C-alpha atoms as a PDB file:
ATOM      1  CA  UNK A   1      -0.896  30.719  13.043  1.00  0.00           C
ATOM      2  CA  UNK A   2      -1.903  27.370  14.180  1.00  0.00           C
ATOM      3  CA  UNK A   3      -5.291  27.120  11.787  1.00  0.00           C
ATOM      4  CA  UNK A   4      -2.362  28.477   8.662  1.00  0.00           C
ATOM      5  CA  UNK A   5      -0.393  25.245   9.314  1.00  0.00           C
ATOM      6  CA  UNK A   6      -3.074  23.069  10.048  1.00  0.00           C
ATOM      7  CA  UNK A   7      -4.568  23.857   6.858  1.00  0.00           C
ATOM      8  CA  UNK A   8      -1.501  23.461   4.805  1.00  0.00           C
ATOM      9  CA  UNK A   9      -0.845  20.057   6.047  1.00  0.00           C
ATOM     10  CA  UNK A  10      -4.381  19.687   5.303  1.00  0.00           C
ATOM     11  CA  UNK A  11      -3.765  20.512   2.093  1.00  0.00           C
ATOM     12  CA  UNK A  12      -0.877  19.009   1.289  1.00  0.00           C
ATOM     13  CA  UNK A  13      -2.231  15.604   2.899  1.00  0.00           C
ATOM     14  CA  UNK A  14      -4.804  15.488   0.817  1.00  0.00           C
ATOM     15  CA  UNK A  15      -2.684  16.270  -2.796  1.00  0.00           C
ATOM     16  CA  UNK A  16      -0.396  13.504  -1.837  1.00  0.00           C
ATOM     17  CA  UNK A  17      -3.221  11.210  -1.174  1.00  0.00           C
ATOM     18  CA  UNK A  18      -4.556  12.000  -5.005  1.00  0.00           C
ATOM     19  CA  UNK A  19      -1.599  11.470  -6.345  1.00  0.00           C
ATOM     20  CA  UNK A  20      -0.589   7.905  -4.809  1.00  0.00           C
ATOM     21  CA  UNK A  21      -4.483   6.547  -6.407  1.00  0.00           C
ATOM     22  CA  UNK A  22      -3.297   7.103  -9.856  1.00  0.00           C
ATOM     23  CA  UNK A  23      -4.792   4.735 -12.065  1.00  0.00           C
ATOM     24  CA  UNK A  24      -1.920   4.833 -14.475  1.00  0.00           C
ATOM     25  CA  UNK A  25       1.084   2.850 -14.309  1.00  0.00           C
ATOM     26  CA  UNK A  26       4.537   3.580 -13.288  1.00  0.00           C
ATOM     27  CA  UNK A  27       5.254   3.661 -17.274  1.00  0.00           C
ATOM     28  CA  UNK A  28       2.132   6.592 -16.972  1.00  0.00           C
ATOM     29  CA  UNK A  29       0.302   4.291 -19.523  1.00  0.00           C
ATOM     30  CA  UNK A  30      -3.361   3.600 -18.726  1.00  0.00           C
ATOM     31  CA  UNK A  31      -3.829   0.581 -16.149  1.00  0.00           C
ATOM     32  CA  UNK A  32      -5.999  -2.011 -18.163  1.00  0.00           C
ATOM     33  CA  UNK A  33      -7.329  -3.086 -14.521  1.00  0.00           C
ATOM     34  CA  UNK A  34      -9.559  -0.562 -13.866  1.00  0.00           C
ATOM     35  CA  UNK A  35     -13.171   0.035 -15.531  1.00  0.00           C
ATOM     36  CA  UNK A  36     -12.409   3.565 -16.297  1.00  0.00           C
ATOM     37  CA  UNK A  37      -9.301   2.778 -18.473  1.00  0.00           C
ATOM     38  CA  UNK A  38     -10.948  -0.195 -20.082  1.00  0.00           C
ATOM     39  CA  UNK A  39     -13.140   1.975 -22.489  1.00  0.00           C
ATOM     40  CA  UNK A  40     -12.409   1.931 -26.507  1.00  0.00           C
ATOM     41  CA  UNK A  41     -11.392   5.271 -27.353  1.00  0.00           C
ATOM     42  CA  UNK A  42      -9.463   6.887 -30.669  1.00  0.00           C
ATOM     43  CA  UNK A  43      -6.394   8.290 -31.182  1.00  0.00           C
ATOM     44  CA  UNK A  44      -7.915  11.481 -30.695  1.00  0.00           C
ATOM     45  CA  UNK A  45      -9.483  10.983 -27.045  1.00  0.00           C
ATOM     46  CA  UNK A  46     -12.501  10.786 -27.635  1.00  0.00           C
ATOM     47  CA  UNK A  47     -15.070   7.855 -27.255  1.00  0.00           C
ATOM     48  CA  UNK A  48     -15.353   5.433 -30.281  1.00  0.00           C
ATOM     49  CA  UNK A  49     -18.875   5.187 -30.738  1.00  0.00           C
ATOM     50  CA  UNK A  50     -18.778   1.700 -32.660  1.00  0.00           C
ATOM     51  CA  UNK A  51     -19.052  -0.236 -29.192  1.00  0.00           C
ATOM     52  CA  UNK A  52     -21.788  -0.516 -27.089  1.00  0.00           C
ATOM     53  CA  UNK A  53     -20.303   0.612 -23.786  1.00  0.00           C
ATOM     54  CA  UNK A  54     -19.688   4.533 -25.203  1.00  0.00           C
ATOM     55  CA  UNK A  55     -22.753   4.692 -27.449  1.00  0.00           C
ATOM     56  CA  UNK A  56     -25.351   6.731 -24.988  1.00  0.00           C
ATOM     57  CA  UNK A  57     -28.106   4.517 -24.434  1.00  0.00           C
ATOM     58  CA  UNK A  58     -31.930   4.442 -26.214  1.00  0.00           C
ATOM     59  CA  UNK A  59     -34.864   5.497 -24.663  1.00  0.00           C
ATOM     60  CA  UNK A  60     -37.704   2.716 -25.291  1.00  0.00           C
ATOM     61  CA  UNK A  61     -40.792   4.424 -26.593  1.00  0.00           C
ATOM     62  CA  UNK A  62     -44.003   3.642 -23.855  1.00  0.00           C
ATOM     63  CA  UNK A  63     -46.221   1.168 -24.620  1.00  0.00           C
ATOM     64  CA  UNK A  64     -50.174   3.134 -25.617  1.00  0.00           C
ATOM     65  CA  UNK A  65     -52.517   3.450 -23.002  1.00  0.00           C
ATOM     66  CA  UNK A  66     -55.489   2.474 -26.011  1.00  0.00           C
ATOM     67  CA  UNK A  67     -55.608  -0.929 -26.419  1.00  0.00           C
ATOM     68  CA  UNK A  68     -57.994  -2.763 -29.333  1.00  0.00           C
ATOM     69  CA  UNK A  69     -61.504  -3.538 -27.896  1.00  0.00           C
ATOM     70  CA  UNK A  70     -62.595  -7.105 -29.221  1.00  0.00           C
ATOM     71  CA  UNK A  71     -66.230  -7.481 -31.211  1.00  0.00           C
ATOM     72  CA  UNK A  72     -68.754 -10.042 -29.315  1.00  0.00           C
ATOM     73  CA  UNK A  73     -69.557 -12.676 -32.268  1.00  0.00           C
END
């Protein structure tokens, strides 16, 4: 019985602590002091790909290992 009470108490504490650190203002809008909330979004909630921060990273081509050989004159 003690274990059950302790588990319930821990669950309640975990739930309430996550609610107190929410990244929103009192009125429910996003708090723009946090980096996560600064991403430009479209009206439907998807990231806006016009901005560099939302574009996927582009892989750079690896330099080729074959180098041209200089001919002796």
